[in-house]
Amino acid sequence: MNFEDLQGVIHSDPEIMGGTPVFVGTRVPLQNLIDALEGGESIDEFLEGFPSVRRAQAIAVIEAGRLKMLELV
């Protein structure tokens, strides 16, 4: 997975939330997913709280993080 793979998943635009990375088609910051998972929430719980985020988007972000970590090892 590379940057192009995430273009339909997350984006940053100075006109939306001051440039904070958000899920495409929403105003939900990527950081909300990270905070939810760090706090012990499941993906399902996160998606219930942010129904505008698609499951595929959340999974793609997690997968990108996993692959990045594997590159560093």
N, C-alpha and C. Protein backbone atom coordinates (compact mmCIF):
# COMPACT_ATOMS: atom_id res chain seq x y z
N MET A 1 0.85 -1.18 0.00
CA MET A 1 0.00 0.00 0.00
C MET A 1 0.89 1.24 0.00
N ASN A 2 0.54 2.19 -0.84
CA ASN A 2 1.32 3.41 -0.91
C ASN A 2 0.40 4.62 -0.84
N PHE A 3 0.97 5.81 -1.02
CA PHE A 3 0.21 7.04 -0.90
C PHE A 3 -0.99 7.06 -1.84
N GLU A 4 -0.81 6.60 -3.06
CA GLU A 4 -1.90 6.60 -4.03
C GLU A 4 -3.06 5.73 -3.56
N ASP A 5 -2.76 4.64 -2.87
CA ASP A 5 -3.81 3.76 -2.37
C ASP A 5 -4.69 4.46 -1.32
N LEU A 6 -4.14 5.41 -0.62
CA LEU A 6 -4.88 6.11 0.43
C LEU A 6 -5.60 7.35 -0.07
N GLN A 7 -5.43 7.72 -1.33
CA GLN A 7 -6.06 8.94 -1.84
C GLN A 7 -7.58 8.90 -1.76
N GLY A 8 -8.19 7.76 -1.89
CA GLY A 8 -9.64 7.66 -1.76
C GLY A 8 -10.09 7.39 -0.34
N VAL A 9 -9.14 7.39 0.58
CA VAL A 9 -9.44 7.04 1.97
C VAL A 9 -9.30 8.24 2.89
N ILE A 10 -8.17 8.91 2.82
CA ILE A 10 -7.95 10.10 3.64
C ILE A 10 -7.41 11.22 2.77
N HIS A 11 -7.63 12.45 3.22
CA HIS A 11 -7.05 13.58 2.52
C HIS A 11 -6.95 14.77 3.46
N SER A 12 -6.19 15.73 3.02
CA SER A 12 -5.99 16.95 3.80
C SER A 12 -6.22 18.13 2.87
N ASP A 13 -7.07 19.04 3.31
CA ASP A 13 -7.41 20.22 2.52
C ASP A 13 -7.49 21.40 3.49
N PRO A 14 -6.76 22.46 3.23
CA PRO A 14 -6.79 23.62 4.14
C PRO A 14 -8.19 24.18 4.36
N GLU A 15 -9.11 23.92 3.43
CA GLU A 15 -10.49 24.42 3.55
C GLU A 15 -11.37 23.51 4.41
N ILE A 16 -10.87 22.32 4.74
CA ILE A 16 -11.64 21.36 5.55
C ILE A 16 -10.89 21.11 6.84
N MET A 17 -11.48 21.50 7.94
CA MET A 17 -10.89 21.28 9.27
C MET A 17 -9.46 21.82 9.37
N GLY A 18 -9.21 22.91 8.65
CA GLY A 18 -7.89 23.56 8.72
C GLY A 18 -6.74 22.71 8.22
N GLY A 19 -7.03 21.73 7.37
CA GLY A 19 -5.97 20.88 6.82
C GLY A 19 -5.72 19.61 7.60
N THR A 20 -6.48 19.39 8.67
CA THR A 20 -6.36 18.15 9.43
C THR A 20 -6.71 16.97 8.52
N PRO A 21 -5.92 15.90 8.50
CA PRO A 21 -6.27 14.74 7.68
C PRO A 21 -7.61 14.15 8.12
N VAL A 22 -8.52 14.00 7.16
CA VAL A 22 -9.85 13.47 7.43
C VAL A 22 -10.14 12.32 6.46
N PHE A 23 -11.15 11.52 6.82
CA PHE A 23 -11.61 10.48 5.91
C PHE A 23 -12.33 11.16 4.74
N VAL A 24 -12.04 10.72 3.53
CA VAL A 24 -12.64 11.30 2.33
C VAL A 24 -14.17 11.24 2.43
N GLY A 25 -14.81 12.35 2.08
CA GLY A 25 -16.26 12.42 2.10
C GLY A 25 -16.85 12.74 3.47
N THR A 26 -15.97 13.00 4.45
CA THR A 26 -16.42 13.30 5.80
C THR A 26 -15.62 14.47 6.35
N ARG A 27 -15.98 14.86 7.56
CA ARG A 27 -15.17 15.82 8.31
C ARG A 27 -14.61 15.12 9.56
N VAL A 28 -14.50 13.80 9.49
CA VAL A 28 -14.01 12.99 10.61
C VAL A 28 -12.49 12.89 10.52
N PRO A 29 -11.79 13.46 11.50
CA PRO A 29 -10.33 13.39 11.48
C PRO A 29 -9.82 11.95 11.65
N LEU A 30 -8.75 11.66 10.96
CA LEU A 30 -8.07 10.38 11.10
C LEU A 30 -7.70 10.12 12.55
N GLN A 31 -7.33 11.17 13.26
CA GLN A 31 -6.93 11.04 14.66
C GLN A 31 -8.04 10.44 15.52
N ASN A 32 -9.30 10.64 15.13
CA ASN A 32 -10.41 10.06 15.90
C ASN A 32 -10.34 8.54 15.90
N LEU A 33 -9.97 7.95 14.76
CA LEU A 33 -9.83 6.49 14.70
C LEU A 33 -8.68 6.04 15.58
N ILE A 34 -7.57 6.71 15.49
CA ILE A 34 -6.41 6.35 16.30
C ILE A 34 -6.74 6.45 17.78
N ASP A 35 -7.37 7.54 18.18
CA ASP A 35 -7.75 7.73 19.59
C ASP A 35 -8.71 6.65 20.05
N ALA A 36 -9.67 6.31 19.21
CA ALA A 36 -10.65 5.28 19.57
C ALA A 36 -9.97 3.93 19.79
N LEU A 37 -9.10 3.55 18.87
CA LEU A 37 -8.41 2.26 19.00
C LEU A 37 -7.48 2.25 20.21
N GLU A 38 -6.78 3.35 20.43
CA GLU A 38 -5.91 3.44 21.60
C GLU A 38 -6.71 3.35 22.89
N GLY A 39 -7.95 3.84 22.85
CA GLY A 39 -8.81 3.82 24.03
C GLY A 39 -9.51 2.49 24.23
N GLY A 40 -9.25 1.52 23.37
CA GLY A 40 -9.82 0.20 23.54
C GLY A 40 -11.11 -0.05 22.78
N GLU A 41 -11.56 0.90 21.99
CA GLU A 41 -12.77 0.69 21.19
C GLU A 41 -12.47 -0.25 20.03
N SER A 42 -13.50 -0.97 19.63
CA SER A 42 -13.38 -1.81 18.43
C SER A 42 -13.65 -0.94 17.20
N ILE A 43 -13.35 -1.49 16.05
CA ILE A 43 -13.67 -0.78 14.80
C ILE A 43 -15.17 -0.57 14.71
N ASP A 44 -15.94 -1.59 15.10
CA ASP A 44 -17.40 -1.47 15.04
C ASP A 44 -17.89 -0.32 15.93
N GLU A 45 -17.32 -0.19 17.11
CA GLU A 45 -17.72 0.91 18.00
C GLU A 45 -17.37 2.26 17.38
N PHE A 46 -16.19 2.34 16.78
CA PHE A 46 -15.80 3.58 16.11
C PHE A 46 -16.79 3.91 15.00
N LEU A 47 -17.10 2.93 14.18
CA LEU A 47 -18.00 3.16 13.04
C LEU A 47 -19.41 3.53 13.49
N GLU A 48 -19.86 3.00 14.63
CA GLU A 48 -21.16 3.39 15.17
C GLU A 48 -21.16 4.87 15.54
N GLY A 49 -20.05 5.35 16.06
CA GLY A 49 -19.95 6.75 16.45
C GLY A 49 -19.74 7.69 15.28
N PHE A 50 -19.22 7.16 14.18
CA PHE A 50 -18.94 7.98 12.99
C PHE A 50 -19.47 7.24 11.75
N PRO A 51 -20.79 7.21 11.59
CA PRO A 51 -21.39 6.43 10.50
C PRO A 51 -21.04 6.91 9.09
N SER A 52 -20.49 8.12 8.97
CA SER A 52 -20.11 8.59 7.64
C SER A 52 -18.80 7.96 7.16
N VAL A 53 -18.05 7.35 8.07
CA VAL A 53 -16.81 6.66 7.70
C VAL A 53 -17.17 5.23 7.29
N ARG A 54 -16.67 4.81 6.15
CA ARG A 54 -16.92 3.45 5.69
C ARG A 54 -15.92 2.48 6.33
N ARG A 55 -16.36 1.28 6.56
CA ARG A 55 -15.49 0.24 7.13
C ARG A 55 -14.23 0.08 6.30
N ALA A 56 -14.36 0.09 4.99
CA ALA A 56 -13.19 -0.09 4.11
C ALA A 56 -12.16 1.02 4.34
N GLN A 57 -12.63 2.23 4.64
CA GLN A 57 -11.70 3.33 4.91
C GLN A 57 -10.92 3.07 6.19
N ALA A 58 -11.62 2.67 7.24
CA ALA A 58 -10.96 2.42 8.51
C ALA A 58 -9.95 1.26 8.38
N ILE A 59 -10.34 0.21 7.70
CA ILE A 59 -9.45 -0.94 7.50
C ILE A 59 -8.24 -0.53 6.68
N ALA A 60 -8.42 0.29 5.66
CA ALA A 60 -7.30 0.73 4.81
C ALA A 60 -6.28 1.51 5.63
N VAL A 61 -6.75 2.36 6.53
CA VAL A 61 -5.84 3.13 7.38
C VAL A 61 -5.05 2.21 8.30
N ILE A 62 -5.73 1.26 8.89
CA ILE A 62 -5.04 0.31 9.79
C ILE A 62 -4.03 -0.51 9.00
N GLU A 63 -4.41 -0.96 7.83
CA GLU A 63 -3.51 -1.76 6.98
C GLU A 63 -2.29 -0.94 6.57
N ALA A 64 -2.50 0.33 6.23
CA ALA A 64 -1.37 1.19 5.85
C ALA A 64 -0.40 1.34 7.02
N GLY A 65 -0.94 1.50 8.22
CA GLY A 65 -0.09 1.60 9.40
C GLY A 65 0.68 0.31 9.64
N ARG A 66 0.01 -0.82 9.46
CA ARG A 66 0.66 -2.12 9.65
C ARG A 66 1.82 -2.29 8.66
N LEU A 67 1.56 -1.97 7.40
CA LEU A 67 2.59 -2.12 6.38
C LEU A 67 3.76 -1.18 6.63
N LYS A 68 3.47 0.02 7.07
CA LYS A 68 4.55 0.99 7.37
C LYS A 68 5.41 0.46 8.50
N MET A 69 4.80 -0.11 9.50
CA MET A 69 5.57 -0.65 10.63
C MET A 69 6.44 -1.82 10.16
N LEU A 70 5.93 -2.65 9.28
CA LEU A 70 6.70 -3.78 8.77
C LEU A 70 7.91 -3.30 7.95
N GLU A 71 7.77 -2.16 7.28
CA GLU A 71 8.89 -1.59 6.53
C GLU A 71 10.02 -1.17 7.48
N LEU A 72 9.65 -0.74 8.66
CA LEU A 72 10.63 -0.20 9.61
C LEU A 72 11.37 -1.30 10.38
N VAL A 73 10.81 -2.49 10.38
CA VAL A 73 11.43 -3.60 11.14
C VAL A 73 12.53 -4.23 10.34
